[in-house]
Amino acid sequence: MPAAQEVLDACHRAADDHPADPTPWVVILGGLRRLRCSRQEVFWAWNEVLRRDRRHRQAYLQMLGYLSPAECGSHMQMMDFIETTQARMPATAPISGLELTAATRQ
């Protein structure tokens, strides 16, 4: 998929140009997810997002999708992710509805 690789390359350049911005990493995370890349690659991008923004809503939604049984995870992995997220986030965080999102996707 040369088009996907071009997007990932552009995102890496953007990340180099704007190291504090989580946006390129969120797009990288989404690209790796769509390409069904290895957990190592996906979690590497996930950690890069978290280093920049621990509450980035779209990043959490990307990881929820990746860890779902429909993609590269399982129901247990998805639920563990939701529980861990809920334990770390205040109830008023934008991502607090992650469990509802998972339920509507199923």
PDB file of N, CA and C in Angstrom:
ATOM      1  N   MET A   1       0.833  -1.189   0.000  1.00  0.00           N
ATOM      2  CA  MET A   1       0.000   0.000   0.000  1.00  0.00           C
ATOM      3  C   MET A   1       0.876   1.250   0.000  1.00  0.00           C
ATOM      4  N   PRO A   2       1.335   1.676  -1.138  1.00  0.00           N
ATOM      5  CA  PRO A   2       2.206   2.849  -1.178  1.00  0.00           C
ATOM      6  C   PRO A   2       1.529   4.115  -0.663  1.00  0.00           C
ATOM      7  N   ALA A   3       0.218   4.269  -0.881  1.00  0.00           N
ATOM      8  CA  ALA A   3      -0.465   5.481  -0.413  1.00  0.00           C
ATOM      9  C   ALA A   3      -0.435   5.548   1.109  1.00  0.00           C
ATOM     10  N   ALA A   4      -0.665   4.431   1.769  1.00  0.00           N
ATOM     11  CA  ALA A   4      -0.637   4.392   3.230  1.00  0.00           C
ATOM     12  C   ALA A   4       0.753   4.721   3.746  1.00  0.00           C
ATOM     13  N   GLN A   5       1.772   4.193   3.093  1.00  0.00           N
ATOM     14  CA  GLN A   5       3.143   4.468   3.520  1.00  0.00           C
ATOM     15  C   GLN A   5       3.486   5.947   3.332  1.00  0.00           C
ATOM     16  N   GLU A   6       2.979   6.547   2.269  1.00  0.00           N
ATOM     17  CA  GLU A   6       3.211   7.975   2.045  1.00  0.00           C
ATOM     18  C   GLU A   6       2.579   8.812   3.159  1.00  0.00           C
ATOM     19  N   VAL A   7       1.386   8.424   3.579  1.00  0.00           N
ATOM     20  CA  VAL A   7       0.716   9.134   4.681  1.00  0.00           C
ATOM     21  C   VAL A   7       1.533   8.985   5.961  1.00  0.00           C
ATOM     22  N   LEU A   8       1.964   7.764   6.247  1.00  0.00           N
ATOM     23  CA  LEU A   8       2.762   7.543   7.452  1.00  0.00           C
ATOM     24  C   LEU A   8       4.065   8.332   7.408  1.00  0.00           C
ATOM     25  N   ASP A   9       4.709   8.363   6.249  1.00  0.00           N
ATOM     26  CA  ASP A   9       5.947   9.139   6.101  1.00  0.00           C
ATOM     27  C   ASP A   9       5.699  10.628   6.331  1.00  0.00           C
ATOM     28  N   ALA A  10       4.605  11.140   5.782  1.00  0.00           N
ATOM     29  CA  ALA A  10       4.258  12.558   5.977  1.00  0.00           C
ATOM     30  C   ALA A  10       3.988  12.846   7.452  1.00  0.00           C
ATOM     31  N   CYS A  11       3.345  11.935   8.116  1.00  0.00           N
ATOM     32  CA  CYS A  11       3.067  12.118   9.546  1.00  0.00           C
ATOM     33  C   CYS A  11       4.354  12.110  10.367  1.00  0.00           C
ATOM     34  N   HIS A  12       5.272  11.253  10.013  1.00  0.00           N
ATOM     35  CA  HIS A  12       6.565  11.235  10.719  1.00  0.00           C
ATOM     36  C   HIS A  12       7.313  12.555  10.515  1.00  0.00           C
ATOM     37  N   ARG A  13       7.247  13.094   9.316  1.00  0.00           N
ATOM     38  CA  ARG A  13       7.878  14.401   9.066  1.00  0.00           C
ATOM     39  C   ARG A  13       7.195  15.493   9.892  1.00  0.00           C
ATOM     40  N   ALA A  14       5.868  15.457   9.941  1.00  0.00           N
ATOM     41  CA  ALA A  14       5.117  16.437  10.742  1.00  0.00           C
ATOM     42  C   ALA A  14       5.460  16.299  12.220  1.00  0.00           C
ATOM     43  N   ALA A  15       5.603  15.069  12.679  1.00  0.00           N
ATOM     44  CA  ALA A  15       5.972  14.846  14.083  1.00  0.00           C
ATOM     45  C   ALA A  15       7.361  15.394  14.375  1.00  0.00           C
ATOM     46  N   ASP A  16       8.274  15.246  13.410  1.00  0.00           N
ATOM     47  CA  ASP A  16       9.620  15.810  13.575  1.00  0.00           C
ATOM     48  C   ASP A  16       9.582  17.335  13.606  1.00  0.00           C
ATOM     49  N   ASP A  17       8.731  17.924  12.765  1.00  0.00           N
ATOM     50  CA  ASP A  17       8.637  19.381  12.687  1.00  0.00           C
ATOM     51  C   ASP A  17       7.934  19.988  13.900  1.00  0.00           C
ATOM     52  N   HIS A  18       7.002  19.240  14.504  1.00  0.00           N
ATOM     53  CA  HIS A  18       6.210  19.740  15.635  1.00  0.00           C
ATOM     54  C   HIS A  18       6.183  18.671  16.728  1.00  0.00           C
ATOM     55  N   PRO A  19       7.284  18.513  17.439  1.00  0.00           N
ATOM     56  CA  PRO A  19       7.407  17.390  18.373  1.00  0.00           C
ATOM     57  C   PRO A  19       6.374  17.358  19.510  1.00  0.00           C
ATOM     58  N   ALA A  20       5.811  18.476  19.888  1.00  0.00           N
ATOM     59  CA  ALA A  20       4.845  18.491  20.991  1.00  0.00           C
ATOM     60  C   ALA A  20       3.419  18.183  20.539  1.00  0.00           C
ATOM     61  N   ASP A  21       3.182  18.186  19.252  1.00  0.00           N
ATOM     62  CA  ASP A  21       1.829  17.989  18.712  1.00  0.00           C
ATOM     63  C   ASP A  21       1.488  16.502  18.652  1.00  0.00           C
ATOM     64  N   PRO A  22       0.397  16.083  19.306  1.00  0.00           N
ATOM     65  CA  PRO A  22       0.021  14.667  19.249  1.00  0.00           C
ATOM     66  C   PRO A  22      -0.669  14.272  17.941  1.00  0.00           C
ATOM     67  N   THR A  23      -1.127  15.229  17.170  1.00  0.00           N
ATOM     68  CA  THR A  23      -1.931  14.927  15.985  1.00  0.00           C
ATOM     69  C   THR A  23      -1.246  13.987  14.990  1.00  0.00           C
ATOM     70  N   PRO A  24       0.009  14.234  14.609  1.00  0.00           N
ATOM     71  CA  PRO A  24       0.628  13.279  13.669  1.00  0.00           C
ATOM     72  C   PRO A  24       0.667  11.858  14.224  1.00  0.00           C
ATOM     73  N   TRP A  25       0.867  11.740  15.524  1.00  0.00           N
ATOM     74  CA  TRP A  25       0.920  10.411  16.138  1.00  0.00           C
ATOM     75  C   TRP A  25      -0.439   9.741  16.166  1.00  0.00           C
ATOM     76  N   VAL A  26      -1.489  10.530  16.311  1.00  0.00           N
ATOM     77  CA  VAL A  26      -2.840   9.955  16.265  1.00  0.00           C
ATOM     78  C   VAL A  26      -3.129   9.432  14.865  1.00  0.00           C
ATOM     79  N   VAL A  27      -2.722  10.172  13.864  1.00  0.00           N
ATOM     80  CA  VAL A  27      -2.919   9.716  12.477  1.00  0.00           C
ATOM     81  C   VAL A  27      -2.064   8.473  12.206  1.00  0.00           C
ATOM     82  N   ILE A  28      -0.845   8.464  12.708  1.00  0.00           N
ATOM     83  CA  ILE A  28       0.009   7.279  12.574  1.00  0.00           C
ATOM     84  C   ILE A  28      -0.665   6.088  13.244  1.00  0.00           C
ATOM     85  N   LEU A  29      -1.186   6.301  14.439  1.00  0.00           N
ATOM     86  CA  LEU A  29      -1.889   5.248  15.161  1.00  0.00           C
ATOM     87  C   LEU A  29      -3.047   4.699  14.325  1.00  0.00           C
ATOM     88  N   GLY A  30      -3.821   5.587  13.740  1.00  0.00           N
ATOM     89  CA  GLY A  30      -4.935   5.163  12.892  1.00  0.00           C
ATOM     90  C   GLY A  30      -4.467   4.409  11.661  1.00  0.00           C
ATOM     91  N   GLY A  31      -3.382   4.875  11.058  1.00  0.00           N
ATOM     92  CA  GLY A  31      -2.838   4.186   9.880  1.00  0.00           C
ATOM     93  C   GLY A  31      -2.337   2.797  10.213  1.00  0.00           C
ATOM     94  N   LEU A  32      -1.611   2.682  11.309  1.00  0.00           N
ATOM     95  CA  LEU A  32      -1.123   1.365  11.729  1.00  0.00           C
ATOM     96  C   LEU A  32      -2.279   0.433  12.059  1.00  0.00           C
ATOM     97  N   ARG A  33      -3.311   1.010  12.648  1.00  0.00           N
ATOM     98  CA  ARG A  33      -4.510   0.221  12.964  1.00  0.00           C
ATOM     99  C   ARG A  33      -5.147  -0.315  11.686  1.00  0.00           C
ATOM    100  N   ARG A  34      -5.337   0.561  10.714  1.00  0.00           N
ATOM    101  CA  ARG A  34      -5.978   0.150   9.450  1.00  0.00           C
ATOM    102  C   ARG A  34      -5.149  -0.882   8.697  1.00  0.00           C
ATOM    103  N   LEU A  35      -3.835  -0.765   8.831  1.00  0.00           N
ATOM    104  CA  LEU A  35      -2.946  -1.728   8.177  1.00  0.00           C
ATOM    105  C   LEU A  35      -2.797  -3.018   8.983  1.00  0.00           C
ATOM    106  N   ARG A  36      -3.427  -3.045  10.150  1.00  0.00           N
ATOM    107  CA  ARG A  36      -3.357  -4.192  11.056  1.00  0.00           C
ATOM    108  C   ARG A  36      -1.912  -4.560  11.369  1.00  0.00           C
ATOM    109  N   CYS A  37      -1.171  -3.545  11.734  1.00  0.00           N
ATOM    110  CA  CYS A  37       0.241  -3.735  12.063  1.00  0.00           C
ATOM    111  C   CYS A  37       0.382  -4.433  13.409  1.00  0.00           C
ATOM    112  N   SER A  38       1.596  -4.785  13.711  1.00  0.00           N
ATOM    113  CA  SER A  38       1.869  -5.525  14.942  1.00  0.00           C
ATOM    114  C   SER A  38       1.543  -4.680  16.176  1.00  0.00           C
ATOM    115  N   ARG A  39       1.290  -5.369  17.263  1.00  0.00           N
ATOM    116  CA  ARG A  39       1.016  -4.699  18.532  1.00  0.00           C
ATOM    117  C   ARG A  39       2.180  -3.805  18.926  1.00  0.00           C
ATOM    118  N   GLN A  40       3.381  -4.263  18.671  1.00  0.00           N
ATOM    119  CA  GLN A  40       4.569  -3.486  19.022  1.00  0.00           C
ATOM    120  C   GLN A  40       4.536  -2.119  18.328  1.00  0.00           C
ATOM    121  N   GLU A  41       4.237  -2.090  17.042  1.00  0.00           N
ATOM    122  CA  GLU A  41       4.183  -0.833  16.299  1.00  0.00           C
ATOM    123  C   GLU A  41       3.038   0.056  16.782  1.00  0.00           C
ATOM    124  N   VAL A  42       1.872  -0.556  16.978  1.00  0.00           N
ATOM    125  CA  VAL A  42       0.696   0.210  17.391  1.00  0.00           C
ATOM    126  C   VAL A  42       0.904   0.795  18.782  1.00  0.00           C
ATOM    127  N   PHE A  43       1.414  -0.005  19.706  1.00  0.00           N
ATOM    128  CA  PHE A  43       1.612   0.495  21.065  1.00  0.00           C
ATOM    129  C   PHE A  43       2.745   1.525  21.125  1.00  0.00           C
ATOM    130  N   TRP A  44       3.693   1.433  20.225  1.00  0.00           N
ATOM    131  CA  TRP A  44       4.743   2.450  20.146  1.00  0.00           C
ATOM    132  C   TRP A  44       4.110   3.800  19.786  1.00  0.00           C
ATOM    133  N   ALA A  45       3.249   3.817  18.780  1.00  0.00           N
ATOM    134  CA  ALA A  45       2.571   5.056  18.390  1.00  0.00           C
ATOM    135  C   ALA A  45       1.648   5.534  19.507  1.00  0.00           C
ATOM    136  N   TRP A  46       0.938   4.613  20.145  1.00  0.00           N
ATOM    137  CA  TRP A  46       0.050   4.937  21.262  1.00  0.00           C
ATOM    138  C   TRP A  46       0.836   5.654  22.370  1.00  0.00           C
ATOM    139  N   ASN A  47       1.991   5.119  22.713  1.00  0.00           N
ATOM    140  CA  ASN A  47       2.807   5.740  23.753  1.00  0.00           C
ATOM    141  C   ASN A  47       3.315   7.120  23.347  1.00  0.00           C
ATOM    142  N   GLU A  48       3.584   7.308  22.064  1.00  0.00           N
ATOM    143  CA  GLU A  48       3.995   8.628  21.579  1.00  0.00           C
ATOM    144  C   GLU A  48       2.855   9.637  21.737  1.00  0.00           C
ATOM    145  N   VAL A  49       1.628   9.213  21.467  1.00  0.00           N
ATOM    146  CA  VAL A  49       0.468  10.097  21.679  1.00  0.00           C
ATOM    147  C   VAL A  49       0.372  10.444  23.152  1.00  0.00           C
ATOM    148  N   LEU A  50       0.425   9.442  24.004  1.00  0.00           N
ATOM    149  CA  LEU A  50       0.264   9.673  25.444  1.00  0.00           C
ATOM    150  C   LEU A  50       1.341  10.583  26.018  1.00  0.00           C
ATOM    151  N   ARG A  51       2.544  10.515  25.468  1.00  0.00           N
ATOM    152  CA  ARG A  51       3.613  11.421  25.920  1.00  0.00           C
ATOM    153  C   ARG A  51       3.239  12.878  25.673  1.00  0.00           C
ATOM    154  N   ARG A  52       2.424  13.112  24.670  1.00  0.00           N
ATOM    155  CA  ARG A  52       2.053  14.474  24.284  1.00  0.00           C
ATOM    156  C   ARG A  52       0.692  14.915  24.829  1.00  0.00           C
ATOM    157  N   ASP A  53      -0.230  13.964  24.953  1.00  0.00           N
ATOM    158  CA  ASP A  53      -1.582  14.293  25.411  1.00  0.00           C
ATOM    159  C   ASP A  53      -2.217  13.039  25.999  1.00  0.00           C
ATOM    160  N   ARG A  54      -2.282  12.955  27.313  1.00  0.00           N
ATOM    161  CA  ARG A  54      -2.784  11.759  27.996  1.00  0.00           C
ATOM    162  C   ARG A  54      -4.284  11.572  27.860  1.00  0.00           C
ATOM    163  N   ARG A  55      -4.990  12.569  27.327  1.00  0.00           N
ATOM    164  CA  ARG A  55      -6.450  12.480  27.223  1.00  0.00           C
ATOM    165  C   ARG A  55      -6.964  12.714  25.810  1.00  0.00           C
ATOM    166  N   HIS A  56      -6.174  12.412  24.825  1.00  0.00           N
ATOM    167  CA  HIS A  56      -6.571  12.660  23.437  1.00  0.00           C
ATOM    168  C   HIS A  56      -7.687  11.692  23.046  1.00  0.00           C
ATOM    169  N   ARG A  57      -8.879  12.227  22.898  1.00  0.00           N
ATOM    170  CA  ARG A  57     -10.072  11.401  22.667  1.00  0.00           C
ATOM    171  C   ARG A  57      -9.943  10.492  21.448  1.00  0.00           C
ATOM    172  N   GLN A  58      -9.495  11.036  20.335  1.00  0.00           N
ATOM    173  CA  GLN A  58      -9.400  10.237  19.109  1.00  0.00           C
ATOM    174  C   GLN A  58      -8.394   9.103  19.257  1.00  0.00           C
ATOM    175  N   ALA A  59      -7.329   9.333  19.993  1.00  0.00           N
ATOM    176  CA  ALA A  59      -6.348   8.266  20.212  1.00  0.00           C
ATOM    177  C   ALA A  59      -6.978   7.104  20.974  1.00  0.00           C
ATOM    178  N   TYR A  60      -7.776   7.415  21.983  1.00  0.00           N
ATOM    179  CA  TYR A  60      -8.453   6.361  22.738  1.00  0.00           C
ATOM    180  C   TYR A  60      -9.439   5.600  21.855  1.00  0.00           C
ATOM    181  N   LEU A  61     -10.124   6.310  20.995  1.00  0.00           N
ATOM    182  CA  LEU A  61     -11.062   5.641  20.083  1.00  0.00           C
ATOM    183  C   LEU A  61     -10.319   4.744  19.089  1.00  0.00           C
ATOM    184  N   GLN A  62      -9.155   5.197  18.638  1.00  0.00           N
ATOM    185  CA  GLN A  62      -8.341   4.367  17.739  1.00  0.00           C
ATOM    186  C   GLN A  62      -7.913   3.076  18.443  1.00  0.00           C
ATOM    187  N   MET A  63      -7.452   3.207  19.685  1.00  0.00           N
ATOM    188  CA  MET A  63      -7.012   2.024  20.420  1.00  0.00           C
ATOM    189  C   MET A  63      -8.182   1.099  20.736  1.00  0.00           C
ATOM    190  N   LEU A  64      -9.322   1.671  21.042  1.00  0.00           N
ATOM    191  CA  LEU A  64     -10.509   0.857  21.284  1.00  0.00           C
ATOM    192  C   LEU A  64     -10.823   0.005  20.055  1.00  0.00           C
ATOM    193  N   GLY A  65     -10.760   0.615  18.878  1.00  0.00           N
ATOM    194  CA  GLY A  65     -10.995  -0.131  17.645  1.00  0.00           C
ATOM    195  C   GLY A  65      -9.957  -1.207  17.415  1.00  0.00           C
ATOM    196  N   TYR A  66      -8.694  -0.878  17.619  1.00  0.00           N
ATOM    197  CA  TYR A  66      -7.619  -1.838  17.401  1.00  0.00           C
ATOM    198  C   TYR A  66      -7.746  -3.048  18.324  1.00  0.00           C
ATOM    199  N   LEU A  67      -8.118  -2.798  19.576  1.00  0.00           N
ATOM    200  CA  LEU A  67      -8.202  -3.868  20.565  1.00  0.00           C
ATOM    201  C   LEU A  67      -9.518  -4.637  20.523  1.00  0.00           C
ATOM    202  N   SER A  68     -10.415  -4.233  19.650  1.00  0.00           N
ATOM    203  CA  SER A  68     -11.711  -4.904  19.559  1.00  0.00           C
ATOM    204  C   SER A  68     -11.564  -6.263  18.868  1.00  0.00           C
ATOM    205  N   PRO A  69     -12.503  -7.168  19.122  1.00  0.00           N
ATOM    206  CA  PRO A  69     -12.455  -8.470  18.450  1.00  0.00           C
ATOM    207  C   PRO A  69     -12.636  -8.370  16.933  1.00  0.00           C
ATOM    208  N   ALA A  70     -13.224  -7.285  16.468  1.00  0.00           N
ATOM    209  CA  ALA A  70     -13.421  -7.104  15.026  1.00  0.00           C
ATOM    210  C   ALA A  70     -12.111  -6.770  14.315  1.00  0.00           C
ATOM    211  N   GLU A  71     -11.130  -6.336  15.071  1.00  0.00           N
ATOM    212  CA  GLU A  71      -9.847  -5.977  14.451  1.00  0.00           C
ATOM    213  C   GLU A  71      -8.739  -6.896  14.950  1.00  0.00           C
ATOM    214  N   CYS A  72      -7.855  -6.412  15.783  1.00  0.00           N
ATOM    215  CA  CYS A  72      -6.674  -7.195  16.161  1.00  0.00           C
ATOM    216  C   CYS A  72      -6.663  -7.625  17.619  1.00  0.00           C
ATOM    217  N   GLY A  73      -7.773  -7.465  18.314  1.00  0.00           N
ATOM    218  CA  GLY A  73      -7.804  -7.794  19.729  1.00  0.00           C
ATOM    219  C   GLY A  73      -8.864  -8.814  20.060  1.00  0.00           C
ATOM    220  N   SER A  74      -9.360  -8.708  21.265  1.00  0.00           N
ATOM    221  CA  SER A  74     -10.399  -9.610  21.749  1.00  0.00           C
ATOM    222  C   SER A  74     -11.331  -8.820  22.659  1.00  0.00           C
ATOM    223  N   HIS A  75     -12.437  -9.428  22.997  1.00  0.00           N
ATOM    224  CA  HIS A  75     -13.378  -8.769  23.904  1.00  0.00           C
ATOM    225  C   HIS A  75     -12.689  -8.467  25.242  1.00  0.00           C
ATOM    226  N   MET A  76     -11.899  -9.416  25.735  1.00  0.00           N
ATOM    227  CA  MET A  76     -11.190  -9.251  27.007  1.00  0.00           C
ATOM    228  C   MET A  76     -10.185  -8.093  26.940  1.00  0.00           C
ATOM    229  N   GLN A  77      -9.430  -8.010  25.862  1.00  0.00           N
ATOM    230  CA  GLN A  77      -8.462  -6.916  25.718  1.00  0.00           C
ATOM    231  C   GLN A  77      -9.166  -5.570  25.664  1.00  0.00           C
ATOM    232  N   MET A  78     -10.260  -5.521  24.951  1.00  0.00           N
ATOM    233  CA  MET A  78     -11.025  -4.284  24.836  1.00  0.00           C
ATOM    234  C   MET A  78     -11.569  -3.873  26.202  1.00  0.00           C
ATOM    235  N   MET A  79     -12.124  -4.823  26.938  1.00  0.00           N
ATOM    236  CA  MET A  79     -12.678  -4.508  28.250  1.00  0.00           C
ATOM    237  C   MET A  79     -11.589  -4.111  29.243  1.00  0.00           C
ATOM    238  N   ASP A  80     -10.438  -4.765  29.180  1.00  0.00           N
ATOM    239  CA  ASP A  80      -9.308  -4.375  30.041  1.00  0.00           C
ATOM    240  C   ASP A  80      -8.887  -2.937  29.750  1.00  0.00           C
ATOM    241  N   PHE A  81      -8.832  -2.590  28.474  1.00  0.00           N
ATOM    242  CA  PHE A  81      -8.468  -1.228  28.074  1.00  0.00           C
ATOM    243  C   PHE A  81      -9.475  -0.220  28.621  1.00  0.00           C
ATOM    244  N   ILE A  82     -10.753  -0.542  28.499  1.00  0.00           N
ATOM    245  CA  ILE A  82     -11.799   0.357  28.995  1.00  0.00           C
ATOM    246  C   ILE A  82     -11.682   0.522  30.507  1.00  0.00           C
ATOM    247  N   GLU A  83     -11.522  -0.580  31.227  1.00  0.00           N
ATOM    248  CA  GLU A  83     -11.419  -0.517  32.679  1.00  0.00           C
ATOM    249  C   GLU A  83     -10.197   0.270  33.135  1.00  0.00           C
ATOM    250  N   THR A  84      -9.079   0.049  32.481  1.00  0.00           N
ATOM    251  CA  THR A  84      -7.861   0.786  32.824  1.00  0.00           C
ATOM    252  C   THR A  84      -8.049   2.273  32.556  1.00  0.00           C
ATOM    253  N   THR A  85      -8.660   2.587  31.431  1.00  0.00           N
ATOM    254  CA  THR A  85      -8.905   3.988  31.083  1.00  0.00           C
ATOM    255  C   THR A  85      -9.827   4.637  32.100  1.00  0.00           C
ATOM    256  N   GLN A  86     -10.897   3.964  32.453  1.00  0.00           N
ATOM    257  CA  GLN A  86     -11.849   4.525  33.414  1.00  0.00           C
ATOM    258  C   GLN A  86     -11.206   4.756  34.773  1.00  0.00           C
ATOM    259  N   ALA A  87     -10.298   3.887  35.162  1.00  0.00           N
ATOM    260  CA  ALA A  87      -9.624   4.039  36.452  1.00  0.00           C
ATOM    261  C   ALA A  87      -8.688   5.249  36.467  1.00  0.00           C
ATOM    262  N   ARG A  88      -8.167   5.618  35.309  1.00  0.00           N
ATOM    263  CA  ARG A  88      -7.193   6.714  35.231  1.00  0.00           C
ATOM    264  C   ARG A  88      -7.809   8.068  34.928  1.00  0.00           C
ATOM    265  N   MET A  89      -8.999   8.076  34.353  1.00  0.00           N
ATOM    266  CA  MET A  89      -9.607   9.326  33.895  1.00  0.00           C
ATOM    267  C   MET A  89     -10.657   9.834  34.868  1.00  0.00           C
ATOM    268  N   PRO A  90     -10.690  11.143  35.044  1.00  0.00           N
ATOM    269  CA  PRO A  90     -11.804  11.688  35.831  1.00  0.00           C
ATOM    270  C   PRO A  90     -13.114  11.514  35.069  1.00  0.00           C
ATOM    271  N   ALA A  91     -14.197  11.471  35.798  1.00  0.00           N
ATOM    272  CA  ALA A  91     -15.511  11.251  35.189  1.00  0.00           C
ATOM    273  C   ALA A  91     -15.876  12.329  34.182  1.00  0.00           C
ATOM    274  N   THR A  92     -15.261  13.486  34.263  1.00  0.00           N
ATOM    275  CA  THR A  92     -15.574  14.583  33.349  1.00  0.00           C
ATOM    276  C   THR A  92     -14.671  14.627  32.119  1.00  0.00           C
ATOM    277  N   ALA A  93     -13.747  13.687  32.003  1.00  0.00           N
ATOM    278  CA  ALA A  93     -12.845  13.667  30.840  1.00  0.00           C
ATOM    279  C   ALA A  93     -13.642  13.349  29.579  1.00  0.00           C
ATOM    280  N   PRO A  94     -13.241  13.933  28.441  1.00  0.00           N
ATOM    281  CA  PRO A  94     -13.968  13.681  27.194  1.00  0.00           C
ATOM    282  C   PRO A  94     -14.045  12.215  26.806  1.00  0.00           C
ATOM    283  N   ILE A  95     -13.139  11.418  27.292  1.00  0.00           N
ATOM    284  CA  ILE A  95     -13.107  10.008  26.915  1.00  0.00           C
ATOM    285  C   ILE A  95     -13.869   9.126  27.907  1.00  0.00           C
ATOM    286  N   SER A  96     -14.539   9.725  28.862  1.00  0.00           N
ATOM    287  CA  SER A  96     -15.226   8.950  29.904  1.00  0.00           C
ATOM    288  C   SER A  96     -16.324   8.042  29.343  1.00  0.00           C
ATOM    289  N   GLY A  97     -16.813   8.291  28.160  1.00  0.00           N
ATOM    290  CA  GLY A  97     -17.856   7.466  27.553  1.00  0.00           C
ATOM    291  C   GLY A  97     -17.320   6.322  26.711  1.00  0.00           C
ATOM    292  N   LEU A  98     -16.094   5.906  26.943  1.00  0.00           N
ATOM    293  CA  LEU A  98     -15.469   4.861  26.133  1.00  0.00           C
ATOM    294  C   LEU A  98     -16.259   3.542  26.177  1.00  0.00           C
ATOM    295  N   GLU A  99     -16.782   3.199  27.333  1.00  0.00           N
ATOM    296  CA  GLU A  99     -17.549   1.964  27.455  1.00  0.00           C
ATOM    297  C   GLU A  99     -18.824   2.028  26.612  1.00  0.00           C
ATOM    298  N   LEU A 100     -19.469   3.172  26.595  1.00  0.00           N
ATOM    299  CA  LEU A 100     -20.666   3.347  25.773  1.00  0.00           C
ATOM    300  C   LEU A 100     -20.318   3.249  24.294  1.00  0.00           C
ATOM    301  N   THR A 101     -19.198   3.813  23.898  1.00  0.00           N
ATOM    302  CA  THR A 101     -18.749   3.711  22.512  1.00  0.00           C
ATOM    303  C   THR A 101     -18.542   2.251  22.128  1.00  0.00           C
ATOM    304  N   ALA A 102     -17.898   1.499  22.996  1.00  0.00           N
ATOM    305  CA  ALA A 102     -17.671   0.072  22.720  1.00  0.00           C
ATOM    306  C   ALA A 102     -18.992  -0.672  22.591  1.00  0.00           C
ATOM    307  N   ALA A 103     -19.929  -0.358  23.456  1.00  0.00           N
ATOM    308  CA  ALA A 103     -21.229  -1.034  23.423  1.00  0.00           C
ATOM    309  C   ALA A 103     -21.985  -0.723  22.139  1.00  0.00           C
ATOM    310  N   THR A 104     -21.930   0.519  21.679  1.00  0.00           N
ATOM    311  CA  THR A 104     -22.646   0.862  20.454  1.00  0.00           C
ATOM    312  C   THR A 104     -21.986   0.260  19.221  1.00  0.00           C
ATOM    313  N   ARG A 105     -20.686   0.045  19.269  1.00  0.00           N
ATOM    314  CA  ARG A 105     -19.996  -0.576  18.143  1.00  0.00           C
ATOM    315  C   ARG A 105     -20.316  -2.065  18.029  1.00  0.00           C
ATOM    316  N   GLN A 106     -20.691  -2.661  19.142  1.00  0.00           N
ATOM    317  CA  GLN A 106     -21.006  -4.088  19.118  1.00  0.00           C
ATOM    318  C   GLN A 106     -22.438  -4.261  18.704  1.00  0.00           C
TER     319      GLN A 106
END
